[in-house]
Amino acid sequence: MSEQKVIRFMRQRYVAAALSIALIIASITGFAMNGMSLGLDFTGGALVELKYETTADLNSIRDEISDLGYPSASVIYFGSDRDVQIRFQTDNPQKGGEVADAFVESSTVPVELQRISYVGPQIGEELTNDGGLGMLLSLVIVMAYVALRFQAKFSVGAVAALIHDVIIVLGVFAIFQLDFDLTVLAAVLAVIGYSLNDTIVVADRIRENFRIVRNKTSVEVVDISLTQTLERTLITSLTTLLVLLALFFVGGEMIHNFALALIIGVVVGTYSSIYVAANVLLGLNISREDLIPVEVEKEGEELEELP
């Protein structure tokens, strides 16, 4: 690749590092001040699904559920504008049935009860713990894989990029108090996989170029590698975003937060694969010597035979 065609990404590495630090601080501040708005999957509560004969008025249903003593209940369409899902926090397993009966009796149009379910606080606590352990375990496995596949410095860069992405995605949900449920947790785990895939592609090209490019500094080699992978990264990200934007705008409220978490994760993951992982590698002083296998001279290999 000619010198003129190389994009000097790393000229802005200090600006990118400052931006990442600012986003992480803002996310952590959001956690500390607001905490996560956990959904019923984690906190425990009741879920009621109703099917109306005509289009359901969500505002009217919200007012009614508020009058029943649950002003913070979640009321959304699922499937169609006649199917309504109501979620509210309670520690009484019977409340779901009582609320469903109240809606069926008070409605001016025929209403059919589809489903009632209850998630106890103990199950919610187990889901919270298991979800957190699942994310930590995935990061440990990623670090081990990258260290074995590439080199220890690459594993630090990859895990730093993943932690960066996860903290920012969770930070957005904490700052804006968006519901965090199992679908969003699944999206966060998908973000880890997506970001890792991008980071591995970049790391593979950096390793290859360190071995074949001569008379270049580490910064120049990283710039060459990022330039070579930029087209692939942008095409992958843009095509993924097109699908996610369609899900976000027309997929319905059931998967709204799921799509939002993935959109944030894809954007931040693309950024981190270019700047965070590569920035960490340069901070660890990655060099050609780190990637060339050490040849061990066998004992007696150079000894000449005696006459």
C-alpha atoms as a PDB file:
ATOM      1  CA  MET A   1       0.000   0.000   0.000  1.00  0.00           C
ATOM      2  CA  SER A   2       1.460   3.368  -1.008  1.00  0.00           C
ATOM      3  CA  GLU A   3       2.347   5.906   1.623  1.00  0.00           C
ATOM      4  CA  GLN A   4      -0.183   8.453   0.328  1.00  0.00           C
ATOM      5  CA  LYS A   5      -3.142   6.089   0.713  1.00  0.00           C
ATOM      6  CA  VAL A   6      -2.557   5.288   4.385  1.00  0.00           C
ATOM      7  CA  ILE A   7      -4.996   6.975   6.765  1.00  0.00           C
ATOM      8  CA  ARG A   8      -3.181   8.258   9.861  1.00  0.00           C
ATOM      9  CA  PHE A   9      -5.657   6.991  12.435  1.00  0.00           C
ATOM     10  CA  MET A  10      -3.160   7.025  15.280  1.00  0.00           C
ATOM     11  CA  ARG A  11      -2.491  10.744  14.943  1.00  0.00           C
ATOM     12  CA  GLN A  12      -5.744  11.178  16.855  1.00  0.00           C
ATOM     13  CA  ARG A  13      -5.095   8.396  19.383  1.00  0.00           C
ATOM     14  CA  TYR A  14      -4.775  10.764  22.338  1.00  0.00           C
ATOM     15  CA  VAL A  15      -8.017  12.540  21.415  1.00  0.00           C
ATOM     16  CA  ALA A  16      -9.701   9.141  21.056  1.00  0.00           C
ATOM     17  CA  ALA A  17      -8.315   8.038  24.429  1.00  0.00           C
ATOM     18  CA  ALA A  18      -9.683  11.186  26.074  1.00  0.00           C
ATOM     19  CA  LEU A  19     -13.090  10.607  24.452  1.00  0.00           C
ATOM     20  CA  SER A  20     -13.187   6.997  25.651  1.00  0.00           C
ATOM     21  CA  ILE A  21     -12.213   7.983  29.194  1.00  0.00           C
ATOM     22  CA  ALA A  22     -14.906  10.695  29.216  1.00  0.00           C
ATOM     23  CA  LEU A  23     -17.577   8.229  28.032  1.00  0.00           C
ATOM     24  CA  ILE A  24     -16.532   5.638  30.623  1.00  0.00           C
ATOM     25  CA  ILE A  25     -16.569   8.235  33.430  1.00  0.00           C
ATOM     26  CA  ALA A  26     -20.029   9.405  32.323  1.00  0.00           C
ATOM     27  CA  SER A  27     -21.265   5.801  32.259  1.00  0.00           C
ATOM     28  CA  ILE A  28     -19.885   4.992  35.696  1.00  0.00           C
ATOM     29  CA  THR A  29     -21.375   8.224  37.044  1.00  0.00           C
ATOM     30  CA  GLY A  30     -24.727   7.150  35.610  1.00  0.00           C
ATOM     31  CA  PHE A  31     -24.439   3.823  37.426  1.00  0.00           C
ATOM     32  CA  ALA A  32     -23.547   5.520  40.689  1.00  0.00           C
ATOM     33  CA  MET A  33     -26.304   8.138  40.540  1.00  0.00           C
ATOM     34  CA  ASN A  34     -29.176   6.251  38.907  1.00  0.00           C
ATOM     35  CA  GLY A  35     -28.373   2.563  38.988  1.00  0.00           C
ATOM     36  CA  MET A  36     -29.883   0.251  36.378  1.00  0.00           C
ATOM     37  CA  SER A  37     -33.619   0.238  35.727  1.00  0.00           C
ATOM     38  CA  LEU A  38     -33.950  -3.522  35.960  1.00  0.00           C
ATOM     39  CA  GLY A  39     -36.909  -5.210  34.314  1.00  0.00           C
ATOM     40  CA  LEU A  40     -39.156  -7.803  35.897  1.00  0.00           C
ATOM     41  CA  ASP A  41     -36.829 -10.569  34.740  1.00  0.00           C
ATOM     42  CA  PHE A  42     -34.409  -9.382  37.424  1.00  0.00           C
ATOM     43  CA  THR A  43     -36.580  -7.682  40.049  1.00  0.00           C
ATOM     44  CA  GLY A  44     -39.512 -10.090  40.101  1.00  0.00           C
ATOM     45  CA  GLY A  45     -43.150  -9.281  39.359  1.00  0.00           C
ATOM     46  CA  ALA A  46     -46.184 -10.203  37.273  1.00  0.00           C
ATOM     47  CA  LEU A  47     -46.798 -10.288  33.548  1.00  0.00           C
ATOM     48  CA  VAL A  48     -50.293 -10.183  32.031  1.00  0.00           C
ATOM     49  CA  GLU A  49     -51.044 -10.559  28.323  1.00  0.00           C
ATOM     50  CA  LEU A  50     -54.455  -9.489  26.988  1.00  0.00           C
ATOM     51  CA  LYS A  51     -56.002  -9.674  23.526  1.00  0.00           C
ATOM     52  CA  TYR A  52     -58.529  -6.973  22.639  1.00  0.00           C
ATOM     53  CA  GLU A  53     -61.115  -7.349  19.897  1.00  0.00           C
ATOM     54  CA  THR A  54     -60.265  -3.879  18.570  1.00  0.00           C
ATOM     55  CA  THR A  55     -57.180  -1.657  18.750  1.00  0.00           C
ATOM     56  CA  ALA A  56     -56.167  -1.228  22.387  1.00  0.00           C
ATOM     57  CA  ASP A  57     -55.708   2.255  23.839  1.00  0.00           C
ATOM     58  CA  LEU A  58     -52.403   2.048  25.706  1.00  0.00           C
ATOM     59  CA  ASN A  59     -52.859   5.418  27.446  1.00  0.00           C
ATOM     60  CA  SER A  60     -56.220   4.345  28.838  1.00  0.00           C
ATOM     61  CA  ILE A  61     -54.740   1.035  30.000  1.00  0.00           C
ATOM     62  CA  ARG A  62     -51.837   2.848  31.681  1.00  0.00           C
ATOM     63  CA  ASP A  63     -54.251   5.124  33.510  1.00  0.00           C
ATOM     64  CA  GLU A  64     -56.277   2.140  34.670  1.00  0.00           C
ATOM     65  CA  ILE A  65     -53.272   0.141  35.887  1.00  0.00           C
ATOM     66  CA  SER A  66     -52.060   3.279  37.683  1.00  0.00           C
ATOM     67  CA  ASP A  67     -55.427   3.562  39.441  1.00  0.00           C
ATOM     68  CA  LEU A  68     -54.999  -0.041  40.570  1.00  0.00           C
ATOM     69  CA  GLY A  69     -51.799   0.973  42.392  1.00  0.00           C
ATOM     70  CA  TYR A  70     -49.068   0.333  39.823  1.00  0.00           C
ATOM     71  CA  PRO A  71     -48.094   3.700  38.302  1.00  0.00           C
ATOM     72  CA  SER A  72     -44.713   2.420  37.107  1.00  0.00           C
ATOM     73  CA  ALA A  73     -46.158  -0.569  35.235  1.00  0.00           C
ATOM     74  CA  SER A  74     -44.969  -1.239  31.690  1.00  0.00           C
ATOM     75  CA  VAL A  75     -47.783  -1.373  29.112  1.00  0.00           C
ATOM     76  CA  ILE A  76     -46.807  -2.203  25.506  1.00  0.00           C
ATOM     77  CA  TYR A  77     -48.102  -3.764  22.320  1.00  0.00           C
ATOM     78  CA  PHE A  78     -46.674  -7.125  21.337  1.00  0.00           C
ATOM     79  CA  GLY A  79     -47.382  -8.769  18.006  1.00  0.00           C
ATOM     80  CA  SER A  80     -50.197  -6.391  16.985  1.00  0.00           C
ATOM     81  CA  ASP A  81     -52.057  -3.323  18.239  1.00  0.00           C
ATOM     82  CA  ARG A  82     -54.731  -5.591  19.739  1.00  0.00           C
ATOM     83  CA  ASP A  83     -52.285  -7.585  21.856  1.00  0.00           C
ATOM     84  CA  VAL A  84     -51.202  -5.868  25.072  1.00  0.00           C
ATOM     85  CA  GLN A  85     -48.573  -6.890  27.586  1.00  0.00           C
ATOM     86  CA  ILE A  86     -48.642  -5.469  31.115  1.00  0.00           C
ATOM     87  CA  ARG A  87     -45.678  -5.830  33.477  1.00  0.00           C
ATOM     88  CA  PHE A  88     -45.616  -4.588  37.050  1.00  0.00           C
ATOM     89  CA  GLN A  89     -43.598  -5.239  40.187  1.00  0.00           C
ATOM     90  CA  THR A  90     -45.252  -7.170  42.994  1.00  0.00           C
ATOM     91  CA  ASP A  91     -44.294  -9.817  45.519  1.00  0.00           C
ATOM     92  CA  ASN A  92     -47.781 -11.371  45.486  1.00  0.00           C
ATOM     93  CA  PRO A  93     -48.222 -14.142  42.882  1.00  0.00           C
ATOM     94  CA  GLN A  94     -52.028 -13.604  42.942  1.00  0.00           C
ATOM     95  CA  LYS A  95     -51.885  -9.967  41.834  1.00  0.00           C
ATOM     96  CA  GLY A  96     -51.469 -10.835  38.161  1.00  0.00           C
ATOM     97  CA  GLY A  97     -54.782 -12.671  38.116  1.00  0.00           C
ATOM     98  CA  GLU A  98     -56.528  -9.904  40.050  1.00  0.00           C
ATOM     99  CA  VAL A  99     -55.326  -7.239  37.606  1.00  0.00           C
ATOM    100  CA  ALA A 100     -56.318  -9.372  34.608  1.00  0.00           C
ATOM    101  CA  ASP A 101     -59.818  -9.888  36.025  1.00  0.00           C
ATOM    102  CA  ALA A 102     -60.171  -6.145  36.638  1.00  0.00           C
ATOM    103  CA  PHE A 103     -59.343  -5.333  33.023  1.00  0.00           C
ATOM    104  CA  VAL A 104     -61.637  -8.031  31.619  1.00  0.00           C
ATOM    105  CA  GLU A 105     -64.557  -6.823  33.753  1.00  0.00           C
ATOM    106  CA  SER A 106     -64.083  -3.088  33.178  1.00  0.00           C
ATOM    107  CA  SER A 107     -63.349  -3.128  29.454  1.00  0.00           C
ATOM    108  CA  THR A 108     -66.069  -1.842  27.116  1.00  0.00           C
ATOM    109  CA  VAL A 109     -64.872  -4.188  24.352  1.00  0.00           C
ATOM    110  CA  PRO A 110     -64.328  -7.966  24.573  1.00  0.00           C
ATOM    111  CA  VAL A 111     -60.966  -8.851  26.115  1.00  0.00           C
ATOM    112  CA  GLU A 112     -59.385 -12.287  26.164  1.00  0.00           C
ATOM    113  CA  LEU A 113     -56.801 -13.259  28.769  1.00  0.00           C
ATOM    114  CA  GLN A 114     -53.828 -14.821  26.965  1.00  0.00           C
ATOM    115  CA  ARG A 115     -51.279 -15.462  29.704  1.00  0.00           C
ATOM    116  CA  ILE A 116     -50.367 -14.703  33.301  1.00  0.00           C
ATOM    117  CA  SER A 117     -46.896 -15.356  34.662  1.00  0.00           C
ATOM    118  CA  TYR A 118     -45.005 -14.450  37.808  1.00  0.00           C
ATOM    119  CA  VAL A 119     -41.276 -14.109  38.431  1.00  0.00           C
ATOM    120  CA  GLY A 120     -40.308 -14.275  42.079  1.00  0.00           C
ATOM    121  CA  PRO A 121     -37.595 -12.051  43.590  1.00  0.00           C
ATOM    122  CA  GLN A 122     -35.361 -15.067  44.247  1.00  0.00           C
ATOM    123  CA  ILE A 123     -35.402 -16.067  40.581  1.00  0.00           C
ATOM    124  CA  GLY A 124     -34.719 -12.452  39.633  1.00  0.00           C
ATOM    125  CA  GLU A 125     -31.692 -12.353  41.918  1.00  0.00           C
ATOM    126  CA  GLU A 126     -30.377 -15.588  40.409  1.00  0.00           C
ATOM    127  CA  LEU A 127     -30.765 -14.154  36.902  1.00  0.00           C
ATOM    128  CA  THR A 128     -28.856 -11.025  37.935  1.00  0.00           C
ATOM    129  CA  ASN A 129     -25.985 -13.033  39.393  1.00  0.00           C
ATOM    130  CA  ASP A 130     -25.873 -15.499  36.502  1.00  0.00           C
ATOM    131  CA  GLY A 131     -25.970 -12.700  33.944  1.00  0.00           C
ATOM    132  CA  GLY A 132     -23.063 -10.876  35.585  1.00  0.00           C
ATOM    133  CA  LEU A 133     -21.033 -14.064  35.901  1.00  0.00           C
ATOM    134  CA  GLY A 134     -21.771 -14.885  32.265  1.00  0.00           C
ATOM    135  CA  MET A 135     -20.298 -11.571  31.095  1.00  0.00           C
ATOM    136  CA  LEU A 136     -17.217 -11.927  33.309  1.00  0.00           C
ATOM    137  CA  LEU A 137     -16.640 -15.497  32.151  1.00  0.00           C
ATOM    138  CA  SER A 138     -16.935 -14.463  28.497  1.00  0.00           C
ATOM    139  CA  LEU A 139     -14.273 -11.769  29.014  1.00  0.00           C
ATOM    140  CA  VAL A 140     -11.898 -14.233  30.697  1.00  0.00           C
ATOM    141  CA  ILE A 141     -12.351 -16.762  27.876  1.00  0.00           C
ATOM    142  CA  VAL A 142     -11.787 -14.053  25.266  1.00  0.00           C
ATOM    143  CA  MET A 143      -8.585 -12.942  26.978  1.00  0.00           C
ATOM    144  CA  ALA A 144      -7.267 -16.511  27.106  1.00  0.00           C
ATOM    145  CA  TYR A 145      -8.172 -17.186  23.461  1.00  0.00           C
ATOM    146  CA  VAL A 146      -6.564 -14.014  22.101  1.00  0.00           C
ATOM    147  CA  ALA A 147      -3.429 -14.578  24.202  1.00  0.00           C
ATOM    148  CA  LEU A 148      -3.050 -18.079  22.755  1.00  0.00           C
ATOM    149  CA  ARG A 149      -4.075 -17.108  19.213  1.00  0.00           C
ATOM    150  CA  PHE A 150      -1.974 -13.964  18.978  1.00  0.00           C
ATOM    151  CA  GLN A 151       0.057 -12.618  21.887  1.00  0.00           C
ATOM    152  CA  ALA A 152      -0.537 -11.435  25.464  1.00  0.00           C
ATOM    153  CA  LYS A 153      -0.523  -7.751  24.528  1.00  0.00           C
ATOM    154  CA  PHE A 154      -3.265  -8.378  21.965  1.00  0.00           C
ATOM    155  CA  SER A 155      -5.405 -10.045  24.628  1.00  0.00           C
ATOM    156  CA  VAL A 156      -5.126  -6.967  26.861  1.00  0.00           C
ATOM    157  CA  GLY A 157      -6.158  -4.740  23.958  1.00  0.00           C
ATOM    158  CA  ALA A 158      -9.092  -6.963  22.985  1.00  0.00           C
ATOM    159  CA  VAL A 159     -10.466  -7.205  26.522  1.00  0.00           C
ATOM    160  CA  ALA A 160      -9.982  -3.455  27.055  1.00  0.00           C
ATOM    161  CA  ALA A 161     -12.075  -2.820  23.925  1.00  0.00           C
ATOM    162  CA  LEU A 162     -14.800  -5.232  25.085  1.00  0.00           C
ATOM    163  CA  ILE A 163     -14.974  -3.735  28.588  1.00  0.00           C
ATOM    164  CA  HIS A 164     -15.079  -0.261  27.015  1.00  0.00           C
ATOM    165  CA  ASP A 165     -18.045  -1.271  24.802  1.00  0.00           C
ATOM    166  CA  VAL A 166     -20.014  -3.012  27.565  1.00  0.00           C
ATOM    167  CA  ILE A 167     -19.595  -0.144  30.049  1.00  0.00           C
ATOM    168  CA  ILE A 168     -20.789   2.434  27.511  1.00  0.00           C
ATOM    169  CA  VAL A 169     -23.831   0.369  26.446  1.00  0.00           C
ATOM    170  CA  LEU A 170     -24.819  -0.196  30.079  1.00  0.00           C
ATOM    171  CA  GLY A 171     -24.074   3.445  30.845  1.00  0.00           C
ATOM    172  CA  VAL A 172     -26.580   4.664  28.251  1.00  0.00           C
ATOM    173  CA  PHE A 173     -29.266   2.459  29.817  1.00  0.00           C
ATOM    174  CA  ALA A 174     -28.358   3.723  33.297  1.00  0.00           C
ATOM    175  CA  ILE A 175     -28.253   7.420  32.375  1.00  0.00           C
ATOM    176  CA  PHE A 176     -31.572   7.372  30.509  1.00  0.00           C
ATOM    177  CA  GLN A 177     -33.155   4.806  32.864  1.00  0.00           C
ATOM    178  CA  LEU A 178     -34.147   2.438  30.067  1.00  0.00           C
ATOM    179  CA  ASP A 179     -35.507  -0.956  31.104  1.00  0.00           C
ATOM    180  CA  PHE A 180     -32.772  -3.569  31.335  1.00  0.00           C
ATOM    181  CA  ASP A 181     -34.188  -7.082  30.932  1.00  0.00           C
ATOM    182  CA  LEU A 182     -33.043 -10.434  29.565  1.00  0.00           C
ATOM    183  CA  THR A 183     -33.385  -9.290  25.945  1.00  0.00           C
ATOM    184  CA  VAL A 184     -31.019  -6.377  26.609  1.00  0.00           C
ATOM    185  CA  LEU A 185     -28.601  -8.710  28.413  1.00  0.00           C
ATOM    186  CA  ALA A 186     -28.658 -10.932  25.313  1.00  0.00           C
ATOM    187  CA  ALA A 187     -27.897  -7.839  23.213  1.00  0.00           C
ATOM    188  CA  VAL A 188     -24.929  -6.945  25.443  1.00  0.00           C
ATOM    189  CA  LEU A 189     -23.507 -10.462  25.036  1.00  0.00           C
ATOM    190  CA  ALA A 190     -24.041 -10.156  21.268  1.00  0.00           C
ATOM    191  CA  VAL A 191     -22.131  -6.849  21.361  1.00  0.00           C
ATOM    192  CA  ILE A 192     -19.209  -8.667  22.983  1.00  0.00           C
ATOM    193  CA  GLY A 193     -19.177 -11.166  20.121  1.00  0.00           C
ATOM    194  CA  TYR A 194     -19.524  -8.491  17.439  1.00  0.00           C
ATOM    195  CA  SER A 195     -16.811  -6.273  18.903  1.00  0.00           C
ATOM    196  CA  LEU A 196     -14.475  -9.236  19.366  1.00  0.00           C
ATOM    197  CA  ASN A 197     -14.916 -10.261  15.727  1.00  0.00           C
ATOM    198  CA  ASP A 198     -13.911  -6.789  14.531  1.00  0.00           C
ATOM    199  CA  THR A 199     -10.977  -6.653  16.938  1.00  0.00           C
ATOM    200  CA  ILE A 200      -9.694 -10.079  15.840  1.00  0.00           C
ATOM    201  CA  VAL A 201      -9.719  -9.024  12.175  1.00  0.00           C
ATOM    202  CA  VAL A 202      -7.714  -5.889  12.987  1.00  0.00           C
ATOM    203  CA  ALA A 203      -5.314  -7.793  15.274  1.00  0.00           C
ATOM    204  CA  ASP A 204      -4.668 -10.422  12.603  1.00  0.00           C
ATOM    205  CA  ARG A 205      -3.746  -7.761  10.059  1.00  0.00           C
ATOM    206  CA  ILE A 206      -1.527  -5.907  12.540  1.00  0.00           C
ATOM    207  CA  ARG A 207       0.335  -9.123  13.361  1.00  0.00           C
ATOM    208  CA  GLU A 208       0.784  -9.938   9.675  1.00  0.00           C
ATOM    209  CA  ASN A 209       2.077  -6.470   8.823  1.00  0.00           C
ATOM    210  CA  PHE A 210       4.527  -6.422  11.726  1.00  0.00           C
ATOM    211  CA  ARG A 211       6.098  -9.543  10.200  1.00  0.00           C
ATOM    212  CA  ILE A 212       6.251  -8.383   6.570  1.00  0.00           C
ATOM    213  CA  VAL A 213       6.572  -4.560   6.678  1.00  0.00           C
ATOM    214  CA  ARG A 214      10.104  -3.290   7.100  1.00  0.00           C
ATOM    215  CA  ASN A 215      11.502   0.108   8.111  1.00  0.00           C
ATOM    216  CA  LYS A 216       8.238   1.307   9.660  1.00  0.00           C
ATOM    217  CA  THR A 217       7.485   2.392  13.196  1.00  0.00           C
ATOM    218  CA  SER A 218       4.827   0.635  15.259  1.00  0.00           C
ATOM    219  CA  VAL A 219       2.443   3.568  14.751  1.00  0.00           C
ATOM    220  CA  GLU A 220       2.907   3.396  10.975  1.00  0.00           C
ATOM    221  CA  VAL A 221       2.313  -0.364  10.919  1.00  0.00           C
ATOM    222  CA  VAL A 222      -0.902   0.051  12.921  1.00  0.00           C
ATOM    223  CA  ASP A 223      -2.072   2.816  10.560  1.00  0.00           C
ATOM    224  CA  ILE A 224      -1.405   0.609   7.533  1.00  0.00           C
ATOM    225  CA  SER A 225      -3.309  -2.290   9.116  1.00  0.00           C
ATOM    226  CA  LEU A 226      -6.313  -0.155  10.068  1.00  0.00           C
ATOM    227  CA  THR A 227      -6.454   1.340   6.584  1.00  0.00           C
ATOM    228  CA  GLN A 228      -6.421  -2.111   4.990  1.00  0.00           C
ATOM    229  CA  THR A 229      -9.289  -3.342   7.180  1.00  0.00           C
ATOM    230  CA  LEU A 230     -11.330  -0.120   7.119  1.00  0.00           C
ATOM    231  CA  GLU A 231     -13.464  -1.023   4.099  1.00  0.00           C
ATOM    232  CA  ARG A 232     -14.394  -4.409   5.542  1.00  0.00           C
ATOM    233  CA  THR A 233     -15.171  -2.859   8.939  1.00  0.00           C
ATOM    234  CA  LEU A 234     -17.417  -0.135   7.504  1.00  0.00           C
ATOM    235  CA  ILE A 235     -19.329  -2.479   5.184  1.00  0.00           C
ATOM    236  CA  THR A 236     -19.972  -4.944   8.013  1.00  0.00           C
ATOM    237  CA  SER A 237     -21.060  -2.206  10.411  1.00  0.00           C
ATOM    238  CA  LEU A 238     -23.330  -0.406   7.941  1.00  0.00           C
ATOM    239  CA  THR A 239     -25.135  -3.552   6.785  1.00  0.00           C
ATOM    240  CA  THR A 240     -25.648  -4.608  10.411  1.00  0.00           C
ATOM    241  CA  LEU A 241     -26.945  -1.153  11.331  1.00  0.00           C
ATOM    242  CA  LEU A 242     -29.483  -1.211   8.484  1.00  0.00           C
ATOM    243  CA  VAL A 243     -31.070  -4.339   9.938  1.00  0.00           C
ATOM    244  CA  LEU A 244     -30.972  -3.013  13.494  1.00  0.00           C
ATOM    245  CA  LEU A 245     -32.510   0.324  12.515  1.00  0.00           C
ATOM    246  CA  ALA A 246     -35.361  -1.537  10.833  1.00  0.00           C
ATOM    247  CA  LEU A 247     -35.909  -3.538  14.028  1.00  0.00           C
ATOM    248  CA  PHE A 248     -35.724  -0.385  16.134  1.00  0.00           C
ATOM    249  CA  PHE A 249     -38.299   1.599  14.162  1.00  0.00           C
ATOM    250  CA  VAL A 250     -40.761  -1.075  13.017  1.00  0.00           C
ATOM    251  CA  GLY A 251     -40.004  -4.080  15.188  1.00  0.00           C
ATOM    252  CA  GLY A 252     -42.353  -3.066  17.991  1.00  0.00           C
ATOM    253  CA  GLU A 253     -41.818  -2.186  21.633  1.00  0.00           C
ATOM    254  CA  MET A 254     -41.002  -5.762  22.616  1.00  0.00           C
ATOM    255  CA  ILE A 255     -37.577  -5.595  20.956  1.00  0.00           C
ATOM    256  CA  HIS A 256     -37.099  -1.815  21.045  1.00  0.00           C
ATOM    257  CA  ASN A 257     -34.459  -1.810  23.793  1.00  0.00           C
ATOM    258  CA  PHE A 258     -32.840  -4.955  22.378  1.00  0.00           C
ATOM    259  CA  ALA A 259     -32.313  -3.217  19.025  1.00  0.00           C
ATOM    260  CA  LEU A 260     -31.174  -0.002  20.735  1.00  0.00           C
ATOM    261  CA  ALA A 261     -28.510  -1.836  22.761  1.00  0.00           C
ATOM    262  CA  LEU A 262     -27.199  -3.497  19.607  1.00  0.00           C
ATOM    263  CA  ILE A 263     -27.154  -0.216  17.663  1.00  0.00           C
ATOM    264  CA  ILE A 264     -25.094   1.445  20.399  1.00  0.00           C
ATOM    265  CA  GLY A 265     -22.868  -1.629  20.630  1.00  0.00           C
ATOM    266  CA  VAL A 266     -22.180  -1.782  16.880  1.00  0.00           C
ATOM    267  CA  VAL A 267     -21.277   1.917  16.697  1.00  0.00           C
ATOM    268  CA  VAL A 268     -19.085   1.819  19.804  1.00  0.00           C
ATOM    269  CA  GLY A 269     -17.620  -1.571  18.835  1.00  0.00           C
ATOM    270  CA  THR A 270     -16.556  -0.268  15.421  1.00  0.00           C
ATOM    271  CA  TYR A 271     -14.904   2.718  17.082  1.00  0.00           C
ATOM    272  CA  SER A 272     -13.168   0.585  19.722  1.00  0.00           C
ATOM    273  CA  SER A 273     -11.762  -1.898  17.214  1.00  0.00           C
ATOM    274  CA  ILE A 274     -10.040   1.013  15.468  1.00  0.00           C
ATOM    275  CA  TYR A 275      -8.954   3.149  18.397  1.00  0.00           C
ATOM    276  CA  VAL A 276      -9.212   1.375  21.757  1.00  0.00           C
ATOM    277  CA  ALA A 277      -7.579  -1.984  20.951  1.00  0.00           C
ATOM    278  CA  ALA A 278      -4.891  -0.433  18.738  1.00  0.00           C
ATOM    279  CA  ASN A 279      -4.300   2.357  21.249  1.00  0.00           C
ATOM    280  CA  VAL A 280      -3.717  -0.165  24.031  1.00  0.00           C
ATOM    281  CA  LEU A 281      -1.271  -2.096  21.819  1.00  0.00           C
ATOM    282  CA  LEU A 282       0.771   1.038  21.222  1.00  0.00           C
ATOM    283  CA  GLY A 283       0.577   1.891  24.910  1.00  0.00           C
ATOM    284  CA  LEU A 284       2.068  -1.551  25.648  1.00  0.00           C
ATOM    285  CA  ASN A 285       4.872  -0.831  23.147  1.00  0.00           C
ATOM    286  CA  ILE A 286       3.977  -3.587  20.704  1.00  0.00           C
ATOM    287  CA  SER A 287       6.823  -4.259  18.296  1.00  0.00           C
ATOM    288  CA  ARG A 288       7.962  -6.690  15.623  1.00  0.00           C
ATOM    289  CA  GLU A 289      10.051  -8.573  18.163  1.00  0.00           C
ATOM    290  CA  ASP A 290       6.904  -9.467  20.128  1.00  0.00           C
ATOM    291  CA  LEU A 291       5.460 -11.338  17.152  1.00  0.00           C
ATOM    292  CA  ILE A 292       8.447 -13.186  15.719  1.00  0.00           C
ATOM    293  CA  PRO A 293       8.847 -16.694  17.111  1.00  0.00           C
ATOM    294  CA  VAL A 294      12.011 -17.177  19.097  1.00  0.00           C
ATOM    295  CA  GLU A 295      14.247 -19.788  17.480  1.00  0.00           C
ATOM    296  CA  VAL A 296      15.796 -22.048  20.073  1.00  0.00           C
ATOM    297  CA  GLU A 297      19.150 -23.400  18.999  1.00  0.00           C
ATOM    298  CA  LYS A 298      19.388 -27.114  19.636  1.00  0.00           C
ATOM    299  CA  GLU A 299      22.274 -28.248  21.776  1.00  0.00           C
ATOM    300  CA  GLY A 300      25.239 -29.299  19.662  1.00  0.00           C
ATOM    301  CA  GLU A 301      23.583 -28.235  16.389  1.00  0.00           C
ATOM    302  CA  GLU A 302      26.501 -26.062  15.267  1.00  0.00           C
ATOM    303  CA  LEU A 303      29.299 -28.391  16.389  1.00  0.00           C
ATOM    304  CA  GLU A 304      31.491 -29.702  13.616  1.00  0.00           C
ATOM    305  CA  GLU A 305      32.291 -33.359  13.452  1.00  0.00           C
ATOM    306  CA  LEU A 306      35.727 -34.239  14.749  1.00  0.00           C
ATOM    307  CA  PRO A 307      38.053 -36.082  12.368  1.00  0.00           C
END
